[in-house]
């Protein structure tokens, strides 16, 4: 299916964020739409990276769907905080911790 899509035999390749974040080369894509946000920004970056592969001939546009006042908005804010923290604390080549804290879960759920 991936080969067929990359050869232009389809207009849309629909996958979940977790299924699409590793192991695929989707060079036939020119748009990535992220609609099921994940608390870890690296997961989304990997998913969008499926279209940014060697052999890509298109300019790739990444669209993140976020509705105001929803859990997705809170997840996006959490992602931005994590990115800032990673940039401040983690040195190049270090591995980032990929766990979510109870406090972060409570903030997302407004508890």
PDB file of N, CA and C in Angstrom:
ATOM      1  N   UNK A   1       0.823  -1.192   0.000  1.00  0.00           N
ATOM      2  CA  UNK A   1       0.000   0.000   0.000  1.00  0.00           C
ATOM      3  C   UNK A   1       0.868   1.257   0.000  1.00  0.00           C
ATOM      4  N   UNK A   2       1.961   1.232   0.768  1.00  0.00           N
ATOM      5  CA  UNK A   2       2.861   2.377   0.809  1.00  0.00           C
ATOM      6  C   UNK A   2       3.478   2.614  -0.562  1.00  0.00           C
ATOM      7  N   UNK A   3       3.940   1.549  -1.200  1.00  0.00           N
ATOM      8  CA  UNK A   3       4.530   1.674  -2.537  1.00  0.00           C
ATOM      9  C   UNK A   3       3.528   2.248  -3.535  1.00  0.00           C
ATOM     10  N   UNK A   4       2.302   1.760  -3.487  1.00  0.00           N
ATOM     11  CA  UNK A   4       1.267   2.251  -4.395  1.00  0.00           C
ATOM     12  C   UNK A   4       1.014   3.739  -4.157  1.00  0.00           C
ATOM     13  N   UNK A   5       0.933   4.137  -2.887  1.00  0.00           N
ATOM     14  CA  UNK A   5       0.706   5.551  -2.561  1.00  0.00           C
ATOM     15  C   UNK A   5       1.864   6.407  -3.068  1.00  0.00           C
ATOM     16  N   UNK A   6       3.085   5.961  -2.817  1.00  0.00           N
ATOM     17  CA  UNK A   6       4.262   6.724  -3.240  1.00  0.00           C
ATOM     18  C   UNK A   6       4.380   6.830  -4.756  1.00  0.00           C
ATOM     19  N   UNK A   7       3.767   5.889  -5.471  1.00  0.00           N
ATOM     20  CA  UNK A   7       3.782   5.930  -6.934  1.00  0.00           C
ATOM     21  C   UNK A   7       2.607   6.728  -7.500  1.00  0.00           C
ATOM     22  N   UNK A   8       1.829   7.339  -6.605  1.00  0.00           N
ATOM     23  CA  UNK A   8       0.743   8.201  -7.053  1.00  0.00           C
ATOM     24  C   UNK A   8      -0.578   7.519  -7.277  1.00  0.00           C
ATOM     25  N   UNK A   9      -0.732   6.295  -6.788  1.00  0.00           N
ATOM     26  CA  UNK A   9      -1.980   5.554  -7.021  1.00  0.00           C
ATOM     27  C   UNK A   9      -3.084   5.898  -6.020  1.00  0.00           C
ATOM     28  N   UNK A  10      -2.813   6.810  -5.118  1.00  0.00           N
ATOM     29  CA  UNK A  10      -3.833   7.231  -4.164  1.00  0.00           C
ATOM     30  C   UNK A  10      -3.616   8.668  -3.760  1.00  0.00           C
ATOM     31  N   UNK A  11      -4.701   9.321  -3.362  1.00  0.00           N
ATOM     32  CA  UNK A  11      -4.610  10.717  -2.941  1.00  0.00           C
ATOM     33  C   UNK A  11      -4.438  10.864  -1.441  1.00  0.00           C
ATOM     34  N   UNK A  12      -4.900   9.873  -0.678  1.00  0.00           N
ATOM     35  CA  UNK A  12      -4.879   9.956   0.780  1.00  0.00           C
ATOM     36  C   UNK A  12      -4.336   8.658   1.352  1.00  0.00           C
ATOM     37  N   UNK A  13      -3.487   8.785   2.367  1.00  0.00           N
ATOM     38  CA  UNK A  13      -2.995   7.629   3.110  1.00  0.00           C
ATOM     39  C   UNK A  13      -3.297   7.928   4.568  1.00  0.00           C
ATOM     40  N   UNK A  14      -4.289   7.265   5.124  1.00  0.00           N
ATOM     41  CA  UNK A  14      -4.794   7.563   6.461  1.00  0.00           C
ATOM     42  C   UNK A  14      -4.213   6.573   7.470  1.00  0.00           C
ATOM     43  N   UNK A  15      -3.553   7.098   8.495  1.00  0.00           N
ATOM     44  CA  UNK A  15      -3.060   6.253   9.580  1.00  0.00           C
ATOM     45  C   UNK A  15      -3.114   6.978  10.901  1.00  0.00           C
ATOM     46  N   UNK A  16      -3.116   6.210  11.968  1.00  0.00           N
ATOM     47  CA  UNK A  16      -3.084   6.814  13.290  1.00  0.00           C
ATOM     48  C   UNK A  16      -1.683   7.365  13.553  1.00  0.00           C
ATOM     49  N   UNK A  17      -1.611   8.273  14.494  1.00  0.00           N
ATOM     50  CA  UNK A  17      -0.329   8.895  14.830  1.00  0.00           C
ATOM     51  C   UNK A  17       0.705   7.862  15.244  1.00  0.00           C
ATOM     52  N   UNK A  18       0.330   6.946  16.091  1.00  0.00           N
ATOM     53  CA  UNK A  18       1.286   5.939  16.572  1.00  0.00           C
ATOM     54  C   UNK A  18       1.675   4.965  15.465  1.00  0.00           C
ATOM     55  N   UNK A  19       0.751   4.618  14.587  1.00  0.00           N
ATOM     56  CA  UNK A  19       1.091   3.708  13.489  1.00  0.00           C
ATOM     57  C   UNK A  19       1.972   4.395  12.464  1.00  0.00           C
ATOM     58  N   UNK A  20       1.824   5.712  12.334  1.00  0.00           N
ATOM     59  CA  UNK A  20       2.553   6.432  11.310  1.00  0.00           C
ATOM     60  C   UNK A  20       3.831   7.084  11.775  1.00  0.00           C
ATOM     61  N   UNK A  21       4.254   6.833  13.028  1.00  0.00           N
ATOM     62  CA  UNK A  21       5.423   7.570  13.490  1.00  0.00           C
ATOM     63  C   UNK A  21       6.736   6.817  13.310  1.00  0.00           C
ATOM     64  N   UNK A  22       6.703   5.566  12.891  1.00  0.00           N
ATOM     65  CA  UNK A  22       7.963   4.848  12.681  1.00  0.00           C
ATOM     66  C   UNK A  22       7.874   3.920  11.473  1.00  0.00           C
ATOM     67  N   UNK A  23       8.981   3.787  10.792  1.00  0.00           N
ATOM     68  CA  UNK A  23       9.147   2.750   9.792  1.00  0.00           C
ATOM     69  C   UNK A  23       8.524   2.948   8.430  1.00  0.00           C
ATOM     70  N   UNK A  24       7.921   4.082   8.173  1.00  0.00           N
ATOM     71  CA  UNK A  24       7.292   4.294   6.870  1.00  0.00           C
ATOM     72  C   UNK A  24       8.009   5.405   6.114  1.00  0.00           C
ATOM     73  N   UNK A  25       8.061   5.246   4.804  1.00  0.00           N
ATOM     74  CA  UNK A  25       8.550   6.301   3.921  1.00  0.00           C
ATOM     75  C   UNK A  25       7.397   6.701   3.021  1.00  0.00           C
ATOM     76  N   UNK A  26       6.859   7.874   3.269  1.00  0.00           N
ATOM     77  CA  UNK A  26       5.707   8.341   2.502  1.00  0.00           C
ATOM     78  C   UNK A  26       6.117   9.528   1.631  1.00  0.00           C
ATOM     79  N   UNK A  27       7.021   9.285   0.717  1.00  0.00           N
ATOM     80  CA  UNK A  27       7.522  10.353  -0.151  1.00  0.00           C
ATOM     81  C   UNK A  27       6.488  10.810  -1.167  1.00  0.00           C
ATOM     82  N   UNK A  28       5.394  10.098  -1.293  1.00  0.00           N
ATOM     83  CA  UNK A  28       4.309  10.513  -2.177  1.00  0.00           C
ATOM     84  C   UNK A  28       3.437  11.590  -1.555  1.00  0.00           C
ATOM     85  N   UNK A  29       3.672  11.902  -0.283  1.00  0.00           N
ATOM     86  CA  UNK A  29       2.842  12.878   0.427  1.00  0.00           C
ATOM     87  C   UNK A  29       3.395  14.284   0.269  1.00  0.00           C
ATOM     88  N   UNK A  30       2.501  15.255   0.205  1.00  0.00           N
ATOM     89  CA  UNK A  30       2.917  16.646   0.265  1.00  0.00           C
ATOM     90  C   UNK A  30       2.223  17.386   1.408  1.00  0.00           C
ATOM     91  N   UNK A  31       1.311  16.700   2.099  1.00  0.00           N
ATOM     92  CA  UNK A  31       0.621  17.275   3.254  1.00  0.00           C
ATOM     93  C   UNK A  31       0.477  16.211   4.332  1.00  0.00           C
ATOM     94  N   UNK A  32       0.797  16.608   5.562  1.00  0.00           N
ATOM     95  CA  UNK A  32       0.597  15.737   6.725  1.00  0.00           C
ATOM     96  C   UNK A  32      -0.356  16.483   7.649  1.00  0.00           C
ATOM     97  N   UNK A  33      -1.466  15.846   8.008  1.00  0.00           N
ATOM     98  CA  UNK A  33      -2.431  16.460   8.916  1.00  0.00           C
ATOM     99  C   UNK A  33      -2.418  15.673  10.220  1.00  0.00           C
ATOM    100  N   UNK A  34      -2.036  16.352  11.303  1.00  0.00           N
ATOM    101  CA  UNK A  34      -2.011  15.736  12.629  1.00  0.00           C
ATOM    102  C   UNK A  34      -3.297  16.135  13.346  1.00  0.00           C
ATOM    103  N   UNK A  35      -4.161  15.159  13.590  1.00  0.00           N
ATOM    104  CA  UNK A  35      -5.431  15.469  14.236  1.00  0.00           C
ATOM    105  C   UNK A  35      -5.592  14.767  15.576  1.00  0.00           C
ATOM    106  N   UNK A  36      -4.716  13.822  15.913  1.00  0.00           N
ATOM    107  CA  UNK A  36      -4.770  13.152  17.214  1.00  0.00           C
ATOM    108  C   UNK A  36      -3.456  13.428  17.946  1.00  0.00           C
ATOM    109  N   UNK A  37      -3.385  14.596  18.577  1.00  0.00           N
ATOM    110  CA  UNK A  37      -2.150  15.044  19.198  1.00  0.00           C
ATOM    111  C   UNK A  37      -1.683  14.080  20.284  1.00  0.00           C
ATOM    112  N   UNK A  38      -0.382  14.065  20.491  1.00  0.00           N
ATOM    113  CA  UNK A  38       0.247  13.203  21.493  1.00  0.00           C
ATOM    114  C   UNK A  38       1.008  14.078  22.450  1.00  0.00           C
ATOM    115  N   UNK A  39       1.056  13.711  23.725  1.00  0.00           N
ATOM    116  CA  UNK A  39       1.703  14.550  24.731  1.00  0.00           C
ATOM    117  C   UNK A  39       3.200  14.711  24.499  1.00  0.00           C
ATOM    118  N   UNK A  40       3.809  13.764  23.800  1.00  0.00           N
ATOM    119  CA  UNK A  40       5.242  13.824  23.528  1.00  0.00           C
ATOM    120  C   UNK A  40       5.456  14.409  22.128  1.00  0.00           C
ATOM    121  N   UNK A  41       6.037  15.605  22.026  1.00  0.00           N
ATOM    122  CA  UNK A  41       6.184  16.231  20.715  1.00  0.00           C
ATOM    123  C   UNK A  41       7.048  15.425  19.744  1.00  0.00           C
ATOM    124  N   UNK A  42       7.941  14.604  20.244  1.00  0.00           N
ATOM    125  CA  UNK A  42       8.812  13.806  19.364  1.00  0.00           C
ATOM    126  C   UNK A  42       8.004  12.797  18.551  1.00  0.00           C
ATOM    127  N   UNK A  43       6.910  12.289  19.091  1.00  0.00           N
ATOM    128  CA  UNK A  43       6.071  11.326  18.379  1.00  0.00           C
ATOM    129  C   UNK A  43       5.463  11.987  17.143  1.00  0.00           C
ATOM    130  N   UNK A  44       4.975  13.210  17.303  1.00  0.00           N
ATOM    131  CA  UNK A  44       4.403  13.932  16.164  1.00  0.00           C
ATOM    132  C   UNK A  44       5.483  14.282  15.149  1.00  0.00           C
ATOM    133  N   UNK A  45       6.646  14.682  15.628  1.00  0.00           N
ATOM    134  CA  UNK A  45       7.742  15.018  14.718  1.00  0.00           C
ATOM    135  C   UNK A  45       8.153  13.799  13.895  1.00  0.00           C
ATOM    136  N   UNK A  46       8.183  12.636  14.530  1.00  0.00           N
ATOM    137  CA  UNK A  46       8.515  11.410  13.794  1.00  0.00           C
ATOM    138  C   UNK A  46       7.442  11.096  12.761  1.00  0.00           C
ATOM    139  N   UNK A  47       6.183  11.274  13.128  1.00  0.00           N
ATOM    140  CA  UNK A  47       5.094  10.994  12.198  1.00  0.00           C
ATOM    141  C   UNK A  47       5.170  11.925  10.985  1.00  0.00           C
ATOM    142  N   UNK A  48       5.382  13.209  11.229  1.00  0.00           N
ATOM    143  CA  UNK A  48       5.517  14.157  10.123  1.00  0.00           C
ATOM    144  C   UNK A  48       6.761  13.844   9.303  1.00  0.00           C
ATOM    145  N   UNK A  49       7.775  13.316   9.955  1.00  0.00           N
ATOM    146  CA  UNK A  49       9.018  12.972   9.278  1.00  0.00           C
ATOM    147  C   UNK A  49       8.884  11.842   8.273  1.00  0.00           C
ATOM    148  N   UNK A  50       7.790  11.095   8.309  1.00  0.00           N
ATOM    149  CA  UNK A  50       7.570  10.013   7.340  1.00  0.00           C
ATOM    150  C   UNK A  50       7.494  10.575   5.925  1.00  0.00           C
ATOM    151  N   UNK A  51       7.041  11.813   5.799  1.00  0.00           N
ATOM    152  CA  UNK A  51       6.952  12.435   4.483  1.00  0.00           C
ATOM    153  C   UNK A  51       8.246  13.173   4.124  1.00  0.00           C
ATOM    154  N   UNK A  52       9.056  13.503   5.115  1.00  0.00           N
ATOM    155  CA  UNK A  52      10.340  14.187   4.892  1.00  0.00           C
ATOM    156  C   UNK A  52      11.448  13.133   4.820  1.00  0.00           C
ATOM    157  N   UNK A  53      11.478  12.379   3.740  1.00  0.00           N
ATOM    158  CA  UNK A  53      12.452  11.295   3.587  1.00  0.00           C
ATOM    159  C   UNK A  53      13.289  11.529   2.350  1.00  0.00           C
ATOM    160  N   UNK A  54      14.397  10.789   2.268  1.00  0.00           N
ATOM    161  CA  UNK A  54      15.205  10.854   1.052  1.00  0.00           C
ATOM    162  C   UNK A  54      14.332  10.443  -0.126  1.00  0.00           C
ATOM    163  N   UNK A  55      14.410  11.181  -1.193  1.00  0.00           N
ATOM    164  CA  UNK A  55      13.593  10.902  -2.360  1.00  0.00           C
ATOM    165  C   UNK A  55      12.358  11.793  -2.449  1.00  0.00           C
ATOM    166  N   UNK A  56      12.107  12.576  -1.404  1.00  0.00           N
ATOM    167  CA  UNK A  56      10.954  13.478  -1.415  1.00  0.00           C
ATOM    168  C   UNK A  56      11.187  14.592  -2.435  1.00  0.00           C
ATOM    169  N   UNK A  57      10.249  14.769  -3.335  1.00  0.00           N
ATOM    170  CA  UNK A  57      10.367  15.795  -4.373  1.00  0.00           C
ATOM    171  C   UNK A  57       9.414  16.963  -4.131  1.00  0.00           C
ATOM    172  N   UNK A  58       8.501  16.804  -3.185  1.00  0.00           N
ATOM    173  CA  UNK A  58       7.498  17.824  -2.897  1.00  0.00           C
ATOM    174  C   UNK A  58       7.876  18.655  -1.678  1.00  0.00           C
ATOM    175  N   UNK A  59       7.365  19.866  -1.628  1.00  0.00           N
ATOM    176  CA  UNK A  59       7.410  20.642  -0.399  1.00  0.00           C
ATOM    177  C   UNK A  59       6.313  20.071   0.490  1.00  0.00           C
ATOM    178  N   UNK A  60       6.650  19.705   1.721  1.00  0.00           N
ATOM    179  CA  UNK A  60       5.687  19.059   2.619  1.00  0.00           C
ATOM    180  C   UNK A  60       5.138  20.083   3.606  1.00  0.00           C
ATOM    181  N   UNK A  61       3.829  20.152   3.673  1.00  0.00           N
ATOM    182  CA  UNK A  61       3.146  21.034   4.609  1.00  0.00           C
ATOM    183  C   UNK A  61       2.599  20.181   5.754  1.00  0.00           C
ATOM    184  N   UNK A  62       2.868  20.586   7.004  1.00  0.00           N
ATOM    185  CA  UNK A  62       2.355  19.880   8.175  1.00  0.00           C
ATOM    186  C   UNK A  62       1.295  20.762   8.823  1.00  0.00           C
ATOM    187  N   UNK A  63       0.099  20.205   8.975  1.00  0.00           N
ATOM    188  CA  UNK A  63      -1.029  20.924   9.565  1.00  0.00           C
ATOM    189  C   UNK A  63      -1.410  20.214  10.860  1.00  0.00           C
ATOM    190  N   UNK A  64      -1.512  20.979  11.933  1.00  0.00           N
ATOM    191  CA  UNK A  64      -1.896  20.430  13.239  1.00  0.00           C
ATOM    192  C   UNK A  64      -3.281  20.979  13.567  1.00  0.00           C
ATOM    193  N   UNK A  65      -4.277  20.092  13.709  1.00  0.00           N
ATOM    194  CA  UNK A  65      -5.643  20.515  14.008  1.00  0.00           C
ATOM    195  C   UNK A  65      -5.835  20.622  15.516  1.00  0.00           C
ATOM    196  N   UNK A  66      -6.150  21.836  15.965  1.00  0.00           N
ATOM    197  CA  UNK A  66      -6.366  22.080  17.392  1.00  0.00           C
ATOM    198  C   UNK A  66      -7.607  22.950  17.531  1.00  0.00           C
ATOM    199  N   UNK A  67      -8.548  22.515  18.344  1.00  0.00           N
ATOM    200  CA  UNK A  67      -9.758  23.286  18.590  1.00  0.00           C
ATOM    201  C   UNK A  67      -9.635  23.986  19.932  1.00  0.00           C
ATOM    202  N   UNK A  68      -9.957  25.259  19.948  1.00  0.00           N
ATOM    203  CA  UNK A  68      -9.856  26.059  21.155  1.00  0.00           C
ATOM    204  C   UNK A  68     -10.749  25.490  22.263  1.00  0.00           C
ATOM    205  N   UNK A  69     -10.202  25.448  23.478  1.00  0.00           N
ATOM    206  CA  UNK A  69     -10.970  24.997  24.634  1.00  0.00           C
ATOM    207  C   UNK A  69     -11.084  23.490  24.767  1.00  0.00           C
ATOM    208  N   UNK A  70     -10.246  22.731  24.044  1.00  0.00           N
ATOM    209  CA  UNK A  70     -10.309  21.270  24.095  1.00  0.00           C
ATOM    210  C   UNK A  70      -9.044  20.698  24.736  1.00  0.00           C
ATOM    211  N   UNK A  71      -9.069  19.409  24.954  1.00  0.00           N
ATOM    212  CA  UNK A  71      -7.906  18.730  25.505  1.00  0.00           C
ATOM    213  C   UNK A  71      -6.712  18.836  24.551  1.00  0.00           C
ATOM    214  N   UNK A  72      -6.982  18.897  23.254  1.00  0.00           N
ATOM    215  CA  UNK A  72      -5.900  19.043  22.286  1.00  0.00           C
ATOM    216  C   UNK A  72      -5.135  20.338  22.503  1.00  0.00           C
ATOM    217  N   UNK A  73      -5.851  21.400  22.854  1.00  0.00           N
ATOM    218  CA  UNK A  73      -5.193  22.681  23.129  1.00  0.00           C
ATOM    219  C   UNK A  73      -4.271  22.560  24.340  1.00  0.00           C
ATOM    220  N   UNK A  74      -4.725  21.845  25.354  1.00  0.00           N
ATOM    221  CA  UNK A  74      -3.891  21.642  26.546  1.00  0.00           C
ATOM    222  C   UNK A  74      -2.691  20.757  26.237  1.00  0.00           C
ATOM    223  N   UNK A  75      -2.906  19.746  25.406  1.00  0.00           N
ATOM    224  CA  UNK A  75      -1.799  18.880  25.012  1.00  0.00           C
ATOM    225  C   UNK A  75      -0.770  19.695  24.230  1.00  0.00           C
ATOM    226  N   UNK A  76      -1.228  20.571  23.339  1.00  0.00           N
ATOM    227  CA  UNK A  76      -0.312  21.402  22.560  1.00  0.00           C
ATOM    228  C   UNK A  76       0.507  22.312  23.488  1.00  0.00           C
ATOM    229  N   UNK A  77      -0.145  22.904  24.480  1.00  0.00           N
ATOM    230  CA  UNK A  77       0.571  23.745  25.449  1.00  0.00           C
ATOM    231  C   UNK A  77       1.618  22.916  26.200  1.00  0.00           C
ATOM    232  N   UNK A  78       1.239  21.710  26.587  1.00  0.00           N
ATOM    233  CA  UNK A  78       2.175  20.815  27.267  1.00  0.00           C
ATOM    234  C   UNK A  78       3.360  20.492  26.357  1.00  0.00           C
ATOM    235  N   UNK A  79       3.091  20.246  25.085  1.00  0.00           N
ATOM    236  CA  UNK A  79       4.163  19.975  24.123  1.00  0.00           C
ATOM    237  C   UNK A  79       5.143  21.144  24.057  1.00  0.00           C
ATOM    238  N   UNK A  80       4.604  22.348  23.986  1.00  0.00           N
ATOM    239  CA  UNK A  80       5.466  23.524  23.894  1.00  0.00           C
ATOM    240  C   UNK A  80       6.328  23.673  25.142  1.00  0.00           C
ATOM    241  N   UNK A  81       5.735  23.413  26.312  1.00  0.00           N
ATOM    242  CA  UNK A  81       6.506  23.465  27.560  1.00  0.00           C
ATOM    243  C   UNK A  81       7.607  22.415  27.559  1.00  0.00           C
ATOM    244  N   UNK A  82       7.291  21.220  27.070  1.00  0.00           N
ATOM    245  CA  UNK A  82       8.292  20.154  27.009  1.00  0.00           C
ATOM    246  C   UNK A  82       9.413  20.515  26.038  1.00  0.00           C
ATOM    247  N   UNK A  83       9.070  21.089  24.897  1.00  0.00           N
ATOM    248  CA  UNK A  83      10.089  21.494  23.931  1.00  0.00           C
ATOM    249  C   UNK A  83      11.034  22.519  24.538  1.00  0.00           C
ATOM    250  N   UNK A  84      10.472  23.507  25.247  1.00  0.00           N
ATOM    251  CA  UNK A  84      11.300  24.529  25.887  1.00  0.00           C
ATOM    252  C   UNK A  84      12.207  23.901  26.943  1.00  0.00           C
ATOM    253  N   UNK A  85      11.653  22.989  27.729  1.00  0.00           N
ATOM    254  CA  UNK A  85      12.442  22.312  28.756  1.00  0.00           C
ATOM    255  C   UNK A  85      13.560  21.489  28.138  1.00  0.00           C
ATOM    256  N   UNK A  86      13.241  20.748  27.079  1.00  0.00           N
ATOM    257  CA  UNK A  86      14.242  19.921  26.398  1.00  0.00           C
ATOM    258  C   UNK A  86      15.360  20.798  25.853  1.00  0.00           C
ATOM    259  N   UNK A  87      15.006  21.906  25.227  1.00  0.00           N
ATOM    260  CA  UNK A  87      16.014  22.805  24.668  1.00  0.00           C
ATOM    261  C   UNK A  87      16.909  23.394  25.763  1.00  0.00           C
ATOM    262  N   UNK A  88      16.346  23.601  26.948  1.00  0.00           N
ATOM    263  CA  UNK A  88      17.099  24.178  28.051  1.00  0.00           C
ATOM    264  C   UNK A  88      17.978  23.148  28.756  1.00  0.00           C
ATOM    265  N   UNK A  89      17.457  21.934  28.942  1.00  0.00           N
ATOM    266  CA  UNK A  89      18.124  20.945  29.789  1.00  0.00           C
ATOM    267  C   UNK A  89      18.926  19.903  29.019  1.00  0.00           C
ATOM    268  N   UNK A  90      18.357  19.376  27.960  1.00  0.00           N
ATOM    269  CA  UNK A  90      18.973  18.264  27.242  1.00  0.00           C
ATOM    270  C   UNK A  90      20.014  18.792  26.260  1.00  0.00           C
ATOM    271  N   UNK A  91      21.188  18.259  26.332  1.00  0.00           N
ATOM    272  CA  UNK A  91      22.249  18.631  25.408  1.00  0.00           C
ATOM    273  C   UNK A  91      22.140  17.790  24.141  1.00  0.00           C
ATOM    274  N   UNK A  92      22.643  18.286  23.015  1.00  0.00           N
ATOM    275  CA  UNK A  92      22.606  17.487  21.780  1.00  0.00           C
ATOM    276  C   UNK A  92      23.237  16.115  22.004  1.00  0.00           C
ATOM    277  N   UNK A  93      22.549  15.081  21.522  1.00  0.00           N
ATOM    278  CA  UNK A  93      23.042  13.714  21.676  1.00  0.00           C
ATOM    279  C   UNK A  93      22.476  13.001  22.884  1.00  0.00           C
ATOM    280  N   UNK A  94      21.933  13.750  23.861  1.00  0.00           N
ATOM    281  CA  UNK A  94      21.308  13.132  25.030  1.00  0.00           C
ATOM    282  C   UNK A  94      19.925  12.632  24.644  1.00  0.00           C
ATOM    283  N   UNK A  95      19.424  11.660  25.404  1.00  0.00           N
ATOM    284  CA  UNK A  95      18.072  11.172  25.163  1.00  0.00           C
ATOM    285  C   UNK A  95      17.110  11.872  26.102  1.00  0.00           C
ATOM    286  N   UNK A  96      15.968  12.284  25.572  1.00  0.00           N
ATOM    287  CA  UNK A  96      14.940  12.917  26.388  1.00  0.00           C
ATOM    288  C   UNK A  96      14.124  11.849  27.105  1.00  0.00           C
ATOM    289  N   UNK A  97      13.650  12.181  28.280  1.00  0.00           N
ATOM    290  CA  UNK A  97      12.790  11.273  29.045  1.00  0.00           C
ATOM    291  C   UNK A  97      11.409  11.278  28.399  1.00  0.00           C
ATOM    292  N   UNK A  98      10.824  10.094  28.200  1.00  0.00           N
ATOM    293  CA  UNK A  98       9.541  10.026  27.497  1.00  0.00           C
ATOM    294  C   UNK A  98       8.446   9.484  28.405  1.00  0.00           C
ATOM    295  N   UNK A  99       8.260  10.127  29.568  1.00  0.00           N
ATOM    296  CA  UNK A  99       7.157   9.752  30.446  1.00  0.00           C
ATOM    297  C   UNK A  99       6.364  11.008  30.771  1.00  0.00           C
ATOM    298  N   UNK A 100       5.103  10.816  31.046  1.00  0.00           N
ATOM    299  CA  UNK A 100       4.249  11.942  31.415  1.00  0.00           C
ATOM    300  C   UNK A 100       3.994  11.835  32.917  1.00  0.00           C
ATOM    301  N   UNK A 101       4.048  12.968  33.607  1.00  0.00           N
ATOM    302  CA  UNK A 101       3.893  12.967  35.051  1.00  0.00           C
ATOM    303  C   UNK A 101       2.420  13.055  35.440  1.00  0.00           C
ATOM    304  N   UNK A 102       2.137  12.695  36.681  1.00  0.00           N
ATOM    305  CA  UNK A 102       0.771  12.806  37.188  1.00  0.00           C
ATOM    306  C   UNK A 102       0.310  14.257  37.155  1.00  0.00           C
ATOM    307  N   UNK A 103       1.209  15.175  37.486  1.00  0.00           N
ATOM    308  CA  UNK A 103       0.864  16.600  37.466  1.00  0.00           C
ATOM    309  C   UNK A 103       0.477  17.054  36.057  1.00  0.00           C
ATOM    310  N   UNK A 104       1.189  16.568  35.035  1.00  0.00           N
ATOM    311  CA  UNK A 104       0.874  16.923  33.645  1.00  0.00           C
ATOM    312  C   UNK A 104      -0.487  16.347  33.232  1.00  0.00           C
ATOM    313  N   UNK A 105      -0.782  15.117  33.670  1.00  0.00           N
ATOM    314  CA  UNK A 105      -2.078  14.505  33.368  1.00  0.00           C
ATOM    315  C   UNK A 105      -3.188  15.319  34.014  1.00  0.00           C
ATOM    316  N   UNK A 106      -2.984  15.710  35.275  1.00  0.00           N
ATOM    317  CA  UNK A 106      -3.998  16.515  35.975  1.00  0.00           C
ATOM    318  C   UNK A 106      -4.211  17.856  35.284  1.00  0.00           C
ATOM    319  N   UNK A 107      -3.137  18.468  34.798  1.00  0.00           N
ATOM    320  CA  UNK A 107      -3.258  19.757  34.096  1.00  0.00           C
ATOM    321  C   UNK A 107      -4.039  19.588  32.799  1.00  0.00           C
ATOM    322  N   UNK A 108      -3.778  18.510  32.075  1.00  0.00           N
ATOM    323  CA  UNK A 108      -4.500  18.261  30.822  1.00  0.00           C
ATOM    324  C   UNK A 108      -5.991  18.065  31.080  1.00  0.00           C
ATOM    325  N   UNK A 109      -6.303  17.314  32.119  1.00  0.00           N
ATOM    326  CA  UNK A 109      -7.697  16.980  32.422  1.00  0.00           C
ATOM    327  C   UNK A 109      -8.398  18.019  33.315  1.00  0.00           C
ATOM    328  N   UNK A 110      -7.661  19.080  33.693  1.00  0.00           N
ATOM    329  CA  UNK A 110      -8.214  20.132  34.536  1.00  0.00           C
ATOM    330  C   UNK A 110      -8.668  19.614  35.892  1.00  0.00           C
ATOM    331  N   UNK A 111      -7.886  18.713  36.484  1.00  0.00           N
ATOM    332  CA  UNK A 111      -8.240  18.137  37.786  1.00  0.00           C
ATOM    333  C   UNK A 111      -7.529  18.905  38.878  1.00  0.00           C
TER     334      UNK A 111
END
